[in-house]
Amino acid sequence: MKKEFAINGMSCKHCVARVEETVNGLAGVDKIKVNLKKAAGTVKFDETQIDPQAIAAAITEAGYPAEVK
């Protein structure tokens, strides 16, 4: 499954890397692509292992408020 997330608070490539590291560390996530200019990310994941709200919560915990689009 693929979902888009609105990700707030990112201002540089370091922020993007932090979000990517956080999400890639979650069980069930295949990959994430973050767009700094759009303040968004697309995550491909296995919905039997993790749900979109858990991904958004992990991004928010890393310091970047996120929600499923």
PDB file of N, CA and C in Angstrom:
ATOM      1  N   MET A   1       0.839  -1.169   0.000  1.00  0.00           N
ATOM      2  CA  MET A   1       0.000   0.000   0.000  1.00  0.00           C
ATOM      3  C   MET A   1       0.887   1.235   0.000  1.00  0.00           C
ATOM      4  N   LYS A   2       0.397   2.297  -0.623  1.00  0.00           N
ATOM      5  CA  LYS A   2       1.111   3.563  -0.686  1.00  0.00           C
ATOM      6  C   LYS A   2       0.207   4.658  -0.143  1.00  0.00           C
ATOM      7  N   LYS A   3       0.759   5.514   0.725  1.00  0.00           N
ATOM      8  CA  LYS A   3       0.005   6.638   1.281  1.00  0.00           C
ATOM      9  C   LYS A   3       0.876   7.877   1.275  1.00  0.00           C
ATOM     10  N   GLU A   4       0.203   9.029   1.155  1.00  0.00           N
ATOM     11  CA  GLU A   4       0.891  10.313   1.248  1.00  0.00           C
ATOM     12  C   GLU A   4       0.662  10.911   2.623  1.00  0.00           C
ATOM     13  N   PHE A   5       1.688  11.599   3.108  1.00  0.00           N
ATOM     14  CA  PHE A   5       1.636  12.234   4.414  1.00  0.00           C
ATOM     15  C   PHE A   5       2.025  13.699   4.284  1.00  0.00           C
ATOM     16  N   ALA A   6       1.318  14.563   4.988  1.00  0.00           N
ATOM     17  CA  ALA A   6       1.726  15.957   5.137  1.00  0.00           C
ATOM     18  C   ALA A   6       2.712  15.965   6.304  1.00  0.00           C
ATOM     19  N   ILE A   7       3.885  16.556   6.090  1.00  0.00           N
ATOM     20  CA  ILE A   7       4.927  16.566   7.124  1.00  0.00           C
ATOM     21  C   ILE A   7       5.360  18.013   7.343  1.00  0.00           C
ATOM     22  N   ASN A   8       5.097  18.529   8.526  1.00  0.00           N
ATOM     23  CA  ASN A   8       5.412  19.926   8.837  1.00  0.00           C
ATOM     24  C   ASN A   8       6.727  20.051   9.596  1.00  0.00           C
ATOM     25  N   GLY A   9       7.322  21.230   9.526  1.00  0.00           N
ATOM     26  CA  GLY A   9       8.507  21.532  10.315  1.00  0.00           C
ATOM     27  C   GLY A   9       9.839  21.212   9.665  1.00  0.00           C
ATOM     28  N   MET A  10       9.834  20.670   8.459  1.00  0.00           N
ATOM     29  CA  MET A  10      11.102  20.371   7.782  1.00  0.00           C
ATOM     30  C   MET A  10      11.624  21.641   7.115  1.00  0.00           C
ATOM     31  N   SER A  11      12.937  21.901   7.294  1.00  0.00           N
ATOM     32  CA  SER A  11      13.504  23.108   6.703  1.00  0.00           C
ATOM     33  C   SER A  11      14.770  22.855   5.885  1.00  0.00           C
ATOM     34  N   CYS A  12      15.305  21.632   5.945  1.00  0.00           N
ATOM     35  CA  CYS A  12      16.560  21.359   5.242  1.00  0.00           C
ATOM     36  C   CYS A  12      16.695  19.867   4.940  1.00  0.00           C
ATOM     37  N   LYS A  13      17.790  19.525   4.270  1.00  0.00           N
ATOM     38  CA  LYS A  13      18.035  18.124   3.917  1.00  0.00           C
ATOM     39  C   LYS A  13      18.244  17.252   5.154  1.00  0.00           C
ATOM     40  N   HIS A  14      18.762  17.845   6.219  1.00  0.00           N
ATOM     41  CA  HIS A  14      18.939  17.092   7.465  1.00  0.00           C
ATOM     42  C   HIS A  14      17.580  16.643   8.004  1.00  0.00           C
ATOM     43  N   CYS A  15      16.599  17.530   7.921  1.00  0.00           N
ATOM     44  CA  CYS A  15      15.238  17.188   8.363  1.00  0.00           C
ATOM     45  C   CYS A  15      14.685  16.032   7.530  1.00  0.00           C
ATOM     46  N   VAL A  16      14.884  16.112   6.228  1.00  0.00           N
ATOM     47  CA  VAL A  16      14.418  15.048   5.334  1.00  0.00           C
ATOM     48  C   VAL A  16      15.077  13.728   5.711  1.00  0.00           C
ATOM     49  N   ALA A  17      16.384  13.754   5.947  1.00  0.00           N
ATOM     50  CA  ALA A  17      17.115  12.540   6.313  1.00  0.00           C
ATOM     51  C   ALA A  17      16.597  11.964   7.630  1.00  0.00           C
ATOM     52  N   ARG A  18      16.292  12.818   8.582  1.00  0.00           N
ATOM     53  CA  ARG A  18      15.767  12.362   9.886  1.00  0.00           C
ATOM     54  C   ARG A  18      14.421  11.661   9.715  1.00  0.00           C
ATOM     55  N   VAL A  19      13.540  12.253   8.897  1.00  0.00           N
ATOM     56  CA  VAL A  19      12.236  11.640   8.635  1.00  0.00           C
ATOM     57  C   VAL A  19      12.427  10.296   7.934  1.00  0.00           C
ATOM     58  N   GLU A  20      13.290  10.262   6.923  1.00  0.00           N
ATOM     59  CA  GLU A  20      13.523   9.021   6.181  1.00  0.00           C
ATOM     60  C   GLU A  20      14.090   7.928   7.086  1.00  0.00           C
ATOM     61  N   GLU A  21      15.062   8.278   7.934  1.00  0.00           N
ATOM     62  CA  GLU A  21      15.643   7.299   8.857  1.00  0.00           C
ATOM     63  C   GLU A  21      14.585   6.759   9.814  1.00  0.00           C
ATOM     64  N   THR A  22      13.761   7.650  10.331  1.00  0.00           N
ATOM     65  CA  THR A  22      12.710   7.253  11.273  1.00  0.00           C
ATOM     66  C   THR A  22      11.741   6.276  10.627  1.00  0.00           C
ATOM     67  N   VAL A  23      11.251   6.622   9.449  1.00  0.00           N
ATOM     68  CA  VAL A  23      10.244   5.794   8.786  1.00  0.00           C
ATOM     69  C   VAL A  23      10.846   4.490   8.280  1.00  0.00           C
ATOM     70  N   ASN A  24      12.044   4.542   7.728  1.00  0.00           N
ATOM     71  CA  ASN A  24      12.685   3.315   7.241  1.00  0.00           C
ATOM     72  C   ASN A  24      12.978   2.331   8.369  1.00  0.00           C
ATOM     73  N   GLY A  25      13.051   2.813   9.599  1.00  0.00           N
ATOM     74  CA  GLY A  25      13.298   1.947  10.744  1.00  0.00           C
ATOM     75  C   GLY A  25      12.060   1.230  11.260  1.00  0.00           C
ATOM     76  N   LEU A  26      10.900   1.549  10.705  1.00  0.00           N
ATOM     77  CA  LEU A  26       9.650   0.931  11.150  1.00  0.00           C
ATOM     78  C   LEU A  26       9.420  -0.403  10.447  1.00  0.00           C
ATOM     79  N   ALA A  27       8.989  -1.403  11.204  1.00  0.00           N
ATOM     80  CA  ALA A  27       8.665  -2.709  10.626  1.00  0.00           C
ATOM     81  C   ALA A  27       7.497  -2.564   9.664  1.00  0.00           C
ATOM     82  N   GLY A  28       7.642  -3.142   8.488  1.00  0.00           N
ATOM     83  CA  GLY A  28       6.569  -3.114   7.501  1.00  0.00           C
ATOM     84  C   GLY A  28       6.703  -2.026   6.455  1.00  0.00           C
ATOM     85  N   VAL A  29       7.646  -1.105   6.643  1.00  0.00           N
ATOM     86  CA  VAL A  29       7.849  -0.030   5.666  1.00  0.00           C
ATOM     87  C   VAL A  29       8.823  -0.503   4.598  1.00  0.00           C
ATOM     88  N   ASP A  30       8.422  -0.341   3.331  1.00  0.00           N
ATOM     89  CA  ASP A  30       9.291  -0.706   2.214  1.00  0.00           C
ATOM     90  C   ASP A  30      10.177   0.464   1.813  1.00  0.00           C
ATOM     91  N   LYS A  31       9.573   1.654   1.648  1.00  0.00           N
ATOM     92  CA  LYS A  31      10.382   2.830   1.319  1.00  0.00           C
ATOM     93  C   LYS A  31       9.583   4.104   1.535  1.00  0.00           C
ATOM     94  N   ILE A  32      10.318   5.209   1.640  1.00  0.00           N
ATOM     95  CA  ILE A  32       9.712   6.526   1.780  1.00  0.00           C
ATOM     96  C   ILE A  32      10.421   7.479   0.839  1.00  0.00           C
ATOM     97  N   LYS A  33       9.658   8.385   0.270  1.00  0.00           N
ATOM     98  CA  LYS A  33      10.224   9.454  -0.550  1.00  0.00           C
ATOM     99  C   LYS A  33       9.667  10.761   0.000  1.00  0.00           C
ATOM    100  N   VAL A  34      10.552  11.643   0.441  1.00  0.00           N
ATOM    101  CA  VAL A  34      10.149  12.906   1.053  1.00  0.00           C
ATOM    102  C   VAL A  34      10.412  14.050   0.089  1.00  0.00           C
ATOM    103  N   ASN A  35       9.450  14.961  -0.021  1.00  0.00           N
ATOM    104  CA  ASN A  35       9.585  16.157  -0.839  1.00  0.00           C
ATOM    105  C   ASN A  35       9.586  17.358   0.098  1.00  0.00           C
ATOM    106  N   LEU A  36      10.754  17.970   0.266  1.00  0.00           N
ATOM    107  CA  LEU A  36      10.914  19.093   1.185  1.00  0.00           C
ATOM    108  C   LEU A  36      10.052  20.282   0.780  1.00  0.00           C
ATOM    109  N   LYS A  37      10.047  20.619  -0.504  1.00  0.00           N
ATOM    110  CA  LYS A  37       9.286  21.784  -0.978  1.00  0.00           C
ATOM    111  C   LYS A  37       7.789  21.636  -0.767  1.00  0.00           C
ATOM    112  N   LYS A  38       7.284  20.427  -0.926  1.00  0.00           N
ATOM    113  CA  LYS A  38       5.845  20.182  -0.757  1.00  0.00           C
ATOM    114  C   LYS A  38       5.480  19.839   0.686  1.00  0.00           C
ATOM    115  N   ALA A  39       6.483  19.725   1.550  1.00  0.00           N
ATOM    116  CA  ALA A  39       6.263  19.329   2.950  1.00  0.00           C
ATOM    117  C   ALA A  39       5.421  18.062   3.014  1.00  0.00           C
ATOM    118  N   ALA A  40       5.868  17.057   2.245  1.00  0.00           N
ATOM    119  CA  ALA A  40       5.096  15.819   2.142  1.00  0.00           C
ATOM    120  C   ALA A  40       6.025  14.634   1.921  1.00  0.00           C
ATOM    121  N   GLY A  41       5.455  13.467   2.144  1.00  0.00           N
ATOM    122  CA  GLY A  41       6.186  12.238   1.893  1.00  0.00           C
ATOM    123  C   GLY A  41       5.241  11.149   1.440  1.00  0.00           C
ATOM    124  N   THR A  42       5.760  10.254   0.608  1.00  0.00           N
ATOM    125  CA  THR A  42       4.998   9.096   0.158  1.00  0.00           C
ATOM    126  C   THR A  42       5.668   7.860   0.729  1.00  0.00           C
ATOM    127  N   VAL A  43       4.878   7.033   1.385  1.00  0.00           N
ATOM    128  CA  VAL A  43       5.412   5.837   2.031  1.00  0.00           C
ATOM    129  C   VAL A  43       4.766   4.602   1.426  1.00  0.00           C
ATOM    130  N   LYS A  44       5.611   3.648   1.039  1.00  0.00           N
ATOM    131  CA  LYS A  44       5.130   2.343   0.575  1.00  0.00           C
ATOM    132  C   LYS A  44       5.342   1.377   1.734  1.00  0.00           C
ATOM    133  N   PHE A  45       4.263   0.686   2.134  1.00  0.00           N
ATOM    134  CA  PHE A  45       4.344  -0.171   3.310  1.00  0.00           C
ATOM    135  C   PHE A  45       3.382  -1.348   3.209  1.00  0.00           C
ATOM    136  N   ASP A  46       3.597  -2.325   4.083  1.00  0.00           N
ATOM    137  CA  ASP A  46       2.742  -3.507   4.171  1.00  0.00           C
ATOM    138  C   ASP A  46       1.680  -3.230   5.230  1.00  0.00           C
ATOM    139  N   GLU A  47       0.443  -3.049   4.792  1.00  0.00           N
ATOM    140  CA  GLU A  47      -0.633  -2.682   5.715  1.00  0.00           C
ATOM    141  C   GLU A  47      -0.977  -3.782   6.717  1.00  0.00           C
ATOM    142  N   THR A  48      -0.452  -4.996   6.517  1.00  0.00           N
ATOM    143  CA  THR A  48      -0.682  -6.053   7.508  1.00  0.00           C
ATOM    144  C   THR A  48       0.297  -5.937   8.680  1.00  0.00           C
ATOM    145  N   GLN A  49       1.348  -5.113   8.514  1.00  0.00           N
ATOM    146  CA  GLN A  49       2.353  -4.953   9.569  1.00  0.00           C
ATOM    147  C   GLN A  49       2.292  -3.603  10.274  1.00  0.00           C
ATOM    148  N   ILE A  50       1.808  -2.576   9.575  1.00  0.00           N
ATOM    149  CA  ILE A  50       1.769  -1.231  10.157  1.00  0.00           C
ATOM    150  C   ILE A  50       0.653  -0.439   9.485  1.00  0.00           C
ATOM    151  N   ASP A  51       0.044   0.472  10.248  1.00  0.00           N
ATOM    152  CA  ASP A  51      -1.015   1.288   9.655  1.00  0.00           C
ATOM    153  C   ASP A  51      -0.526   2.725   9.470  1.00  0.00           C
ATOM    154  N   PRO A  52      -1.189   3.491   8.606  1.00  0.00           N
ATOM    155  CA  PRO A  52      -0.746   4.851   8.303  1.00  0.00           C
ATOM    156  C   PRO A  52      -0.670   5.760   9.533  1.00  0.00           C
ATOM    157  N   GLN A  53      -1.583   5.590  10.477  1.00  0.00           N
ATOM    158  CA  GLN A  53      -1.568   6.429  11.673  1.00  0.00           C
ATOM    159  C   GLN A  53      -0.314   6.187  12.513  1.00  0.00           C
ATOM    160  N   ALA A  54       0.167   4.953  12.540  1.00  0.00           N
ATOM    161  CA  ALA A  54       1.395   4.641  13.277  1.00  0.00           C
ATOM    162  C   ALA A  54       2.608   5.287  12.607  1.00  0.00           C
ATOM    163  N   ILE A  55       2.598   5.343  11.290  1.00  0.00           N
ATOM    164  CA  ILE A  55       3.687   6.002  10.558  1.00  0.00           C
ATOM    165  C   ILE A  55       3.667   7.493  10.860  1.00  0.00           C
ATOM    166  N   ALA A  56       2.495   8.112  10.792  1.00  0.00           N
ATOM    167  CA  ALA A  56       2.363   9.544  11.095  1.00  0.00           C
ATOM    168  C   ALA A  56       2.802   9.833  12.529  1.00  0.00           C
ATOM    169  N   ALA A  57       2.443   8.968  13.457  1.00  0.00           N
ATOM    170  CA  ALA A  57       2.824   9.153  14.859  1.00  0.00           C
ATOM    171  C   ALA A  57       4.341   9.093  15.033  1.00  0.00           C
ATOM    172  N   ALA A  58       4.999   8.185  14.327  1.00  0.00           N
ATOM    173  CA  ALA A  58       6.455   8.059  14.420  1.00  0.00           C
ATOM    174  C   ALA A  58       7.145   9.307  13.870  1.00  0.00           C
ATOM    175  N   ILE A  59       6.636   9.841  12.769  1.00  0.00           N
ATOM    176  CA  ILE A  59       7.205  11.064  12.194  1.00  0.00           C
ATOM    177  C   ILE A  59       7.009  12.224  13.169  1.00  0.00           C
ATOM    178  N   THR A  60       5.827  12.312  13.750  1.00  0.00           N
ATOM    179  CA  THR A  60       5.529  13.371  14.718  1.00  0.00           C
ATOM    180  C   THR A  60       6.447  13.262  15.938  1.00  0.00           C
ATOM    181  N   GLU A  61       6.667  12.046  16.426  1.00  0.00           N
ATOM    182  CA  GLU A  61       7.562  11.825  17.570  1.00  0.00           C
ATOM    183  C   GLU A  61       8.990  12.249  17.262  1.00  0.00           C
ATOM    184  N   ALA A  62       9.376  12.156  15.992  1.00  0.00           N
ATOM    185  CA  ALA A  62      10.727  12.561  15.582  1.00  0.00           C
ATOM    186  C   ALA A  62      10.858  14.083  15.512  1.00  0.00           C
ATOM    187  N   GLY A  63       9.746  14.797  15.730  1.00  0.00           N
ATOM    188  CA  GLY A  63       9.798  16.258  15.767  1.00  0.00           C
ATOM    189  C   GLY A  63       9.185  16.958  14.575  1.00  0.00           C
ATOM    190  N   TYR A  64       8.521  16.200  13.718  1.00  0.00           N
ATOM    191  CA  TYR A  64       7.925  16.771  12.510  1.00  0.00           C
ATOM    192  C   TYR A  64       6.450  16.385  12.454  1.00  0.00           C
ATOM    193  N   PRO A  65       5.565  17.255  12.924  1.00  0.00           N
ATOM    194  CA  PRO A  65       4.134  16.920  12.953  1.00  0.00           C
ATOM    195  C   PRO A  65       3.650  16.424  11.590  1.00  0.00           C
ATOM    196  N   ALA A  66       3.016  15.251  11.602  1.00  0.00           N
ATOM    197  CA  ALA A  66       2.596  14.626  10.346  1.00  0.00           C
ATOM    198  C   ALA A  66       1.175  14.104  10.448  1.00  0.00           C
ATOM    199  N   GLU A  67       0.535  14.029   9.294  1.00  0.00           N
ATOM    200  CA  GLU A  67      -0.800  13.437   9.210  1.00  0.00           C
ATOM    201  C   GLU A  67      -0.977  12.795   7.849  1.00  0.00           C
ATOM    202  N   VAL A  68      -1.846  11.807   7.805  1.00  0.00           N
ATOM    203  CA  VAL A  68      -2.152  11.126   6.553  1.00  0.00           C
ATOM    204  C   VAL A  68      -2.967  12.075   5.693  1.00  0.00           C
ATOM    205  N   LYS A  69      -2.597  12.192   4.414  1.00  0.00           N
ATOM    206  CA  LYS A  69      -3.357  13.059   3.496  1.00  0.00           C
ATOM    207  C   LYS A  69      -4.612  12.367   3.044  1.00  0.00           C
TER     208      LYS A  69
END
